[in-house]
Amino acid sequence: MQITLNLPDSLSQTGTFNQSDWLREIAVALFQQERISLSRASKIAGIEIMDFQKLLGVCEA
């Protein structure tokens, strides 16, 4: 399986982007590509399903 993530260059230049942030980005990308379920994505992101849904709303804005 190959997964492509398109992340802004600015992410690599910030010292505040940590492992939790990367996991959330990966979970969002996998969910948006319909490779994993909402439940699995929220577990990967380490947040509750409702919070993950809110995160998706922010990502699409």
PDB file of N, CA and C in Angstrom:
ATOM      1  N   MET A   1       0.848  -1.168   0.000  1.00  0.00           N
ATOM      2  CA  MET A   1       0.000   0.000   0.000  1.00  0.00           C
ATOM      3  C   MET A   1       0.898   1.237   0.000  1.00  0.00           C
ATOM      4  N   GLN A   2       0.523   2.217  -0.785  1.00  0.00           N
ATOM      5  CA  GLN A   2       1.234   3.487  -0.829  1.00  0.00           C
ATOM      6  C   GLN A   2       0.276   4.595  -0.438  1.00  0.00           C
ATOM      7  N   ILE A   3       0.738   5.458   0.448  1.00  0.00           N
ATOM      8  CA  ILE A   3      -0.069   6.572   0.914  1.00  0.00           C
ATOM      9  C   ILE A   3       0.710   7.854   0.656  1.00  0.00           C
ATOM     10  N   THR A   4       0.056   8.809   0.050  1.00  0.00           N
ATOM     11  CA  THR A   4       0.687  10.094  -0.226  1.00  0.00           C
ATOM     12  C   THR A   4       0.035  11.156   0.637  1.00  0.00           C
ATOM     13  N   LEU A   5       0.863  11.882   1.374  1.00  0.00           N
ATOM     14  CA  LEU A   5       0.371  12.985   2.180  1.00  0.00           C
ATOM     15  C   LEU A   5       0.920  14.281   1.612  1.00  0.00           C
ATOM     16  N   ASN A   6       0.059  15.226   1.395  1.00  0.00           N
ATOM     17  CA  ASN A   6       0.478  16.553   0.958  1.00  0.00           C
ATOM     18  C   ASN A   6       0.377  17.487   2.149  1.00  0.00           C
ATOM     19  N   LEU A   7       1.536  17.799   2.717  1.00  0.00           N
ATOM     20  CA  LEU A   7       1.593  18.671   3.876  1.00  0.00           C
ATOM     21  C   LEU A   7       2.291  19.966   3.500  1.00  0.00           C
ATOM     22  N   PRO A   8       1.851  21.066   4.037  1.00  0.00           N
ATOM     23  CA  PRO A   8       2.494  22.345   3.734  1.00  0.00           C
ATOM     24  C   PRO A   8       3.952  22.345   4.196  1.00  0.00           C
ATOM     25  N   ASP A   9       4.820  22.988   3.435  1.00  0.00           N
ATOM     26  CA  ASP A   9       6.228  23.093   3.792  1.00  0.00           C
ATOM     27  C   ASP A   9       6.413  23.755   5.149  1.00  0.00           C
ATOM     28  N   SER A  10       5.501  24.618   5.505  1.00  0.00           N
ATOM     29  CA  SER A  10       5.620  25.340   6.764  1.00  0.00           C
ATOM     30  C   SER A  10       5.593  24.408   7.983  1.00  0.00           C
ATOM     31  N   LEU A  11       5.041  23.205   7.828  1.00  0.00           N
ATOM     32  CA  LEU A  11       4.974  22.278   8.951  1.00  0.00           C
ATOM     33  C   LEU A  11       6.359  21.827   9.392  1.00  0.00           C
ATOM     34  N   SER A  12       7.263  21.636   8.457  1.00  0.00           N
ATOM     35  CA  SER A  12       8.595  21.165   8.813  1.00  0.00           C
ATOM     36  C   SER A  12       9.435  22.278   9.429  1.00  0.00           C
ATOM     37  N   GLN A  13       8.977  23.493   9.324  1.00  0.00           N
ATOM     38  CA  GLN A  13       9.743  24.625   9.833  1.00  0.00           C
ATOM     39  C   GLN A  13       9.288  25.071  11.211  1.00  0.00           C
ATOM     40  N   THR A  14       8.327  24.412  11.755  1.00  0.00           N
ATOM     41  CA  THR A  14       7.835  24.798  13.070  1.00  0.00           C
ATOM     42  C   THR A  14       8.302  23.796  14.121  1.00  0.00           C
ATOM     43  N   GLY A  15       8.741  24.308  15.236  1.00  0.00           N
ATOM     44  CA  GLY A  15       9.201  23.445  16.308  1.00  0.00           C
ATOM     45  C   GLY A  15       8.068  22.922  17.166  1.00  0.00           C
ATOM     46  N   THR A  16       6.863  23.400  16.929  1.00  0.00           N
ATOM     47  CA  THR A  16       5.733  22.989  17.757  1.00  0.00           C
ATOM     48  C   THR A  16       4.948  21.834  17.149  1.00  0.00           C
ATOM     49  N   PHE A  17       5.354  21.349  15.994  1.00  0.00           N
ATOM     50  CA  PHE A  17       4.651  20.233  15.354  1.00  0.00           C
ATOM     51  C   PHE A  17       5.224  18.941  15.909  1.00  0.00           C
ATOM     52  N   ASN A  18       4.452  18.248  16.764  1.00  0.00           N
ATOM     53  CA  ASN A  18       4.959  17.068  17.460  1.00  0.00           C
ATOM     54  C   ASN A  18       4.336  15.771  16.930  1.00  0.00           C
ATOM     55  N   GLN A  19       4.625  14.684  17.603  1.00  0.00           N
ATOM     56  CA  GLN A  19       4.135  13.372  17.165  1.00  0.00           C
ATOM     57  C   GLN A  19       2.611  13.319  17.114  1.00  0.00           C
ATOM     58  N   SER A  20       1.938  13.901  18.073  1.00  0.00           N
ATOM     59  CA  SER A  20       0.472  13.909  18.078  1.00  0.00           C
ATOM     60  C   SER A  20      -0.075  14.637  16.859  1.00  0.00           C
ATOM     61  N   ASP A  21       0.576  15.732  16.492  1.00  0.00           N
ATOM     62  CA  ASP A  21       0.158  16.486  15.310  1.00  0.00           C
ATOM     63  C   ASP A  21       0.303  15.631  14.052  1.00  0.00           C
ATOM     64  N   TRP A  22       1.432  14.920  13.942  1.00  0.00           N
ATOM     65  CA  TRP A  22       1.649  14.050  12.768  1.00  0.00           C
ATOM     66  C   TRP A  22       0.605  12.941  12.711  1.00  0.00           C
ATOM     67  N   LEU A  23       0.302  12.343  13.860  1.00  0.00           N
ATOM     68  CA  LEU A  23      -0.705  11.278  13.879  1.00  0.00           C
ATOM     69  C   LEU A  23      -2.069  11.798  13.447  1.00  0.00           C
ATOM     70  N   ARG A  24      -2.431  13.002  13.879  1.00  0.00           N
ATOM     71  CA  ARG A  24      -3.700  13.587  13.449  1.00  0.00           C
ATOM     72  C   ARG A  24      -3.701  13.822  11.942  1.00  0.00           C
ATOM     73  N   GLU A  25      -2.614  14.348  11.407  1.00  0.00           N
ATOM     74  CA  GLU A  25      -2.526  14.590   9.960  1.00  0.00           C
ATOM     75  C   GLU A  25      -2.647  13.285   9.171  1.00  0.00           C
ATOM     76  N   ILE A  26      -1.972  12.251   9.642  1.00  0.00           N
ATOM     77  CA  ILE A  26      -2.030  10.947   8.974  1.00  0.00           C
ATOM     78  C   ILE A  26      -3.442  10.378   9.038  1.00  0.00           C
ATOM     79  N   ALA A  27      -4.072  10.461  10.210  1.00  0.00           N
ATOM     80  CA  ALA A  27      -5.431   9.946  10.371  1.00  0.00           C
ATOM     81  C   ALA A  27      -6.407  10.672   9.450  1.00  0.00           C
ATOM     82  N   VAL A  28      -6.293  11.991   9.364  1.00  0.00           N
ATOM     83  CA  VAL A  28      -7.165  12.770   8.479  1.00  0.00           C
ATOM     84  C   VAL A  28      -6.957  12.349   7.029  1.00  0.00           C
ATOM     85  N   ALA A  29      -5.709  12.226   6.624  1.00  0.00           N
ATOM     86  CA  ALA A  29      -5.414  11.861   5.234  1.00  0.00           C
ATOM     87  C   ALA A  29      -5.962  10.477   4.900  1.00  0.00           C
ATOM     88  N   LEU A  30      -5.752   9.520   5.775  1.00  0.00           N
ATOM     89  CA  LEU A  30      -6.248   8.154   5.532  1.00  0.00           C
ATOM     90  C   LEU A  30      -7.768   8.122   5.479  1.00  0.00           C
ATOM     91  N   PHE A  31      -8.411   8.862   6.373  1.00  0.00           N
ATOM     92  CA  PHE A  31      -9.868   8.903   6.369  1.00  0.00           C
ATOM     93  C   PHE A  31     -10.394   9.564   5.103  1.00  0.00           C
ATOM     94  N   GLN A  32      -9.796  10.681   4.708  1.00  0.00           N
ATOM     95  CA  GLN A  32     -10.255  11.384   3.517  1.00  0.00           C
ATOM     96  C   GLN A  32     -10.047  10.556   2.250  1.00  0.00           C
ATOM     97  N   GLN A  33      -9.055   9.673   2.261  1.00  0.00           N
ATOM     98  CA  GLN A  33      -8.810   8.785   1.118  1.00  0.00           C
ATOM     99  C   GLN A  33      -9.657   7.519   1.210  1.00  0.00           C
ATOM    100  N   GLU A  34     -10.529   7.456   2.227  1.00  0.00           N
ATOM    101  CA  GLU A  34     -11.437   6.328   2.459  1.00  0.00           C
ATOM    102  C   GLU A  34     -10.690   5.013   2.650  1.00  0.00           C
ATOM    103  N   ARG A  35      -9.532   5.083   3.292  1.00  0.00           N
ATOM    104  CA  ARG A  35      -8.739   3.883   3.570  1.00  0.00           C
ATOM    105  C   ARG A  35      -9.035   3.325   4.958  1.00  0.00           C
ATOM    106  N   ILE A  36      -9.559   4.176   5.848  1.00  0.00           N
ATOM    107  CA  ILE A  36      -9.908   3.739   7.193  1.00  0.00           C
ATOM    108  C   ILE A  36     -11.237   4.373   7.599  1.00  0.00           C
ATOM    109  N   SER A  37     -11.846   3.764   8.611  1.00  0.00           N
ATOM    110  CA  SER A  37     -13.134   4.261   9.103  1.00  0.00           C
ATOM    111  C   SER A  37     -12.927   5.473  10.021  1.00  0.00           C
ATOM    112  N   LEU A  38     -14.013   6.144  10.307  1.00  0.00           N
ATOM    113  CA  LEU A  38     -13.992   7.279  11.220  1.00  0.00           C
ATOM    114  C   LEU A  38     -13.503   6.833  12.596  1.00  0.00           C
ATOM    115  N   SER A  39     -13.987   5.696  13.049  1.00  0.00           N
ATOM    116  CA  SER A  39     -13.590   5.179  14.351  1.00  0.00           C
ATOM    117  C   SER A  39     -12.090   4.894  14.402  1.00  0.00           C
ATOM    118  N   ARG A  40     -11.582   4.241  13.375  1.00  0.00           N
ATOM    119  CA  ARG A  40     -10.141   3.924  13.328  1.00  0.00           C
ATOM    120  C   ARG A  40      -9.310   5.202  13.232  1.00  0.00           C
ATOM    121  N   ALA A  41      -9.759   6.150  12.457  1.00  0.00           N
ATOM    122  CA  ALA A  41      -9.026   7.408  12.314  1.00  0.00           C
ATOM    123  C   ALA A  41      -8.946   8.146  13.647  1.00  0.00           C
ATOM    124  N   SER A  42     -10.036   8.158  14.390  1.00  0.00           N
ATOM    125  CA  SER A  42     -10.018   8.847  15.683  1.00  0.00           C
ATOM    126  C   SER A  42      -9.075   8.148  16.653  1.00  0.00           C
ATOM    127  N   LYS A  43      -8.991   6.824  16.570  1.00  0.00           N
ATOM    128  CA  LYS A  43      -8.057   6.088  17.429  1.00  0.00           C
ATOM    129  C   LYS A  43      -6.612   6.395  17.058  1.00  0.00           C
ATOM    130  N   ILE A  44      -6.310   6.444  15.768  1.00  0.00           N
ATOM    131  CA  ILE A  44      -4.958   6.786  15.321  1.00  0.00           C
ATOM    132  C   ILE A  44      -4.603   8.198  15.789  1.00  0.00           C
ATOM    133  N   ALA A  45      -5.556   9.104  15.669  1.00  0.00           N
ATOM    134  CA  ALA A  45      -5.334  10.497  16.067  1.00  0.00           C
ATOM    135  C   ALA A  45      -5.262  10.654  17.578  1.00  0.00           C
ATOM    136  N   GLY A  46      -5.767   9.663  18.306  1.00  0.00           N
ATOM    137  CA  GLY A  46      -5.735   9.719  19.762  1.00  0.00           C
ATOM    138  C   GLY A  46      -6.760  10.657  20.357  1.00  0.00           C
ATOM    139  N   ILE A  47      -7.880  10.831  19.632  1.00  0.00           N
ATOM    140  CA  ILE A  47      -8.939  11.716  20.124  1.00  0.00           C
ATOM    141  C   ILE A  47     -10.295  11.026  19.965  1.00  0.00           C
ATOM    142  N   GLU A  48     -11.278  11.538  20.672  1.00  0.00           N
ATOM    143  CA  GLU A  48     -12.635  10.995  20.584  1.00  0.00           C
ATOM    144  C   GLU A  48     -13.220  11.230  19.182  1.00  0.00           C
ATOM    145  N   ILE A  49     -14.189  10.399  18.811  1.00  0.00           N
ATOM    146  CA  ILE A  49     -14.794  10.494  17.475  1.00  0.00           C
ATOM    147  C   ILE A  49     -15.381  11.885  17.230  1.00  0.00           C
ATOM    148  N   MET A  50     -16.091  12.434  18.202  1.00  0.00           N
ATOM    149  CA  MET A  50     -16.697  13.762  18.020  1.00  0.00           C
ATOM    150  C   MET A  50     -15.620  14.827  17.791  1.00  0.00           C
ATOM    151  N   ASP A  51     -14.525  14.730  18.514  1.00  0.00           N
ATOM    152  CA  ASP A  51     -13.429  15.690  18.339  1.00  0.00           C
ATOM    153  C   ASP A  51     -12.777  15.520  16.972  1.00  0.00           C
ATOM    154  N   PHE A  52     -12.697  14.272  16.511  1.00  0.00           N
ATOM    155  CA  PHE A  52     -12.127  14.030  15.184  1.00  0.00           C
ATOM    156  C   PHE A  52     -13.032  14.613  14.100  1.00  0.00           C
ATOM    157  N   GLN A  53     -14.338  14.470  14.281  1.00  0.00           N
ATOM    158  CA  GLN A  53     -15.271  15.060  13.325  1.00  0.00           C
ATOM    159  C   GLN A  53     -15.121  16.580  13.293  1.00  0.00           C
ATOM    160  N   LYS A  54     -14.935  17.189  14.449  1.00  0.00           N
ATOM    161  CA  LYS A  54     -14.707  18.637  14.498  1.00  0.00           C
ATOM    162  C   LYS A  54     -13.405  18.991  13.772  1.00  0.00           C
ATOM    163  N   LEU A  55     -12.380  18.174  13.977  1.00  0.00           N
ATOM    164  CA  LEU A  55     -11.103  18.388  13.296  1.00  0.00           C
ATOM    165  C   LEU A  55     -11.283  18.305  11.785  1.00  0.00           C
ATOM    166  N   LEU A  56     -12.083  17.368  11.315  1.00  0.00           N
ATOM    167  CA  LEU A  56     -12.351  17.262   9.869  1.00  0.00           C
ATOM    168  C   LEU A  56     -13.030  18.516   9.353  1.00  0.00           C
ATOM    169  N   GLY A  57     -13.933  19.065  10.129  1.00  0.00           N
ATOM    170  CA  GLY A  57     -14.601  20.300   9.734  1.00  0.00           C
ATOM    171  C   GLY A  57     -13.625  21.452   9.575  1.00  0.00           C
ATOM    172  N   VAL A  58     -12.636  21.518  10.443  1.00  0.00           N
ATOM    173  CA  VAL A  58     -11.610  22.556  10.370  1.00  0.00           C
ATOM    174  C   VAL A  58     -10.719  22.322   9.160  1.00  0.00           C
ATOM    175  N   CYS A  59     -10.378  21.064   8.891  1.00  0.00           N
ATOM    176  CA  CYS A  59      -9.491  20.731   7.770  1.00  0.00           C
ATOM    177  C   CYS A  59     -10.119  21.068   6.431  1.00  0.00           C
ATOM    178  N   GLU A  60     -11.430  20.960   6.338  1.00  0.00           N
ATOM    179  CA  GLU A  60     -12.105  21.194   5.060  1.00  0.00           C
ATOM    180  C   GLU A  60     -12.450  22.666   4.859  1.00  0.00           C
ATOM    181  N   ALA A  61     -12.336  23.451   5.899  1.00  0.00           N
ATOM    182  CA  ALA A  61     -12.688  24.883   5.797  1.00  0.00           C
ATOM    183  C   ALA A  61     -11.658  25.670   5.014  1.00  0.00           C
TER     184      ALA A  61
END
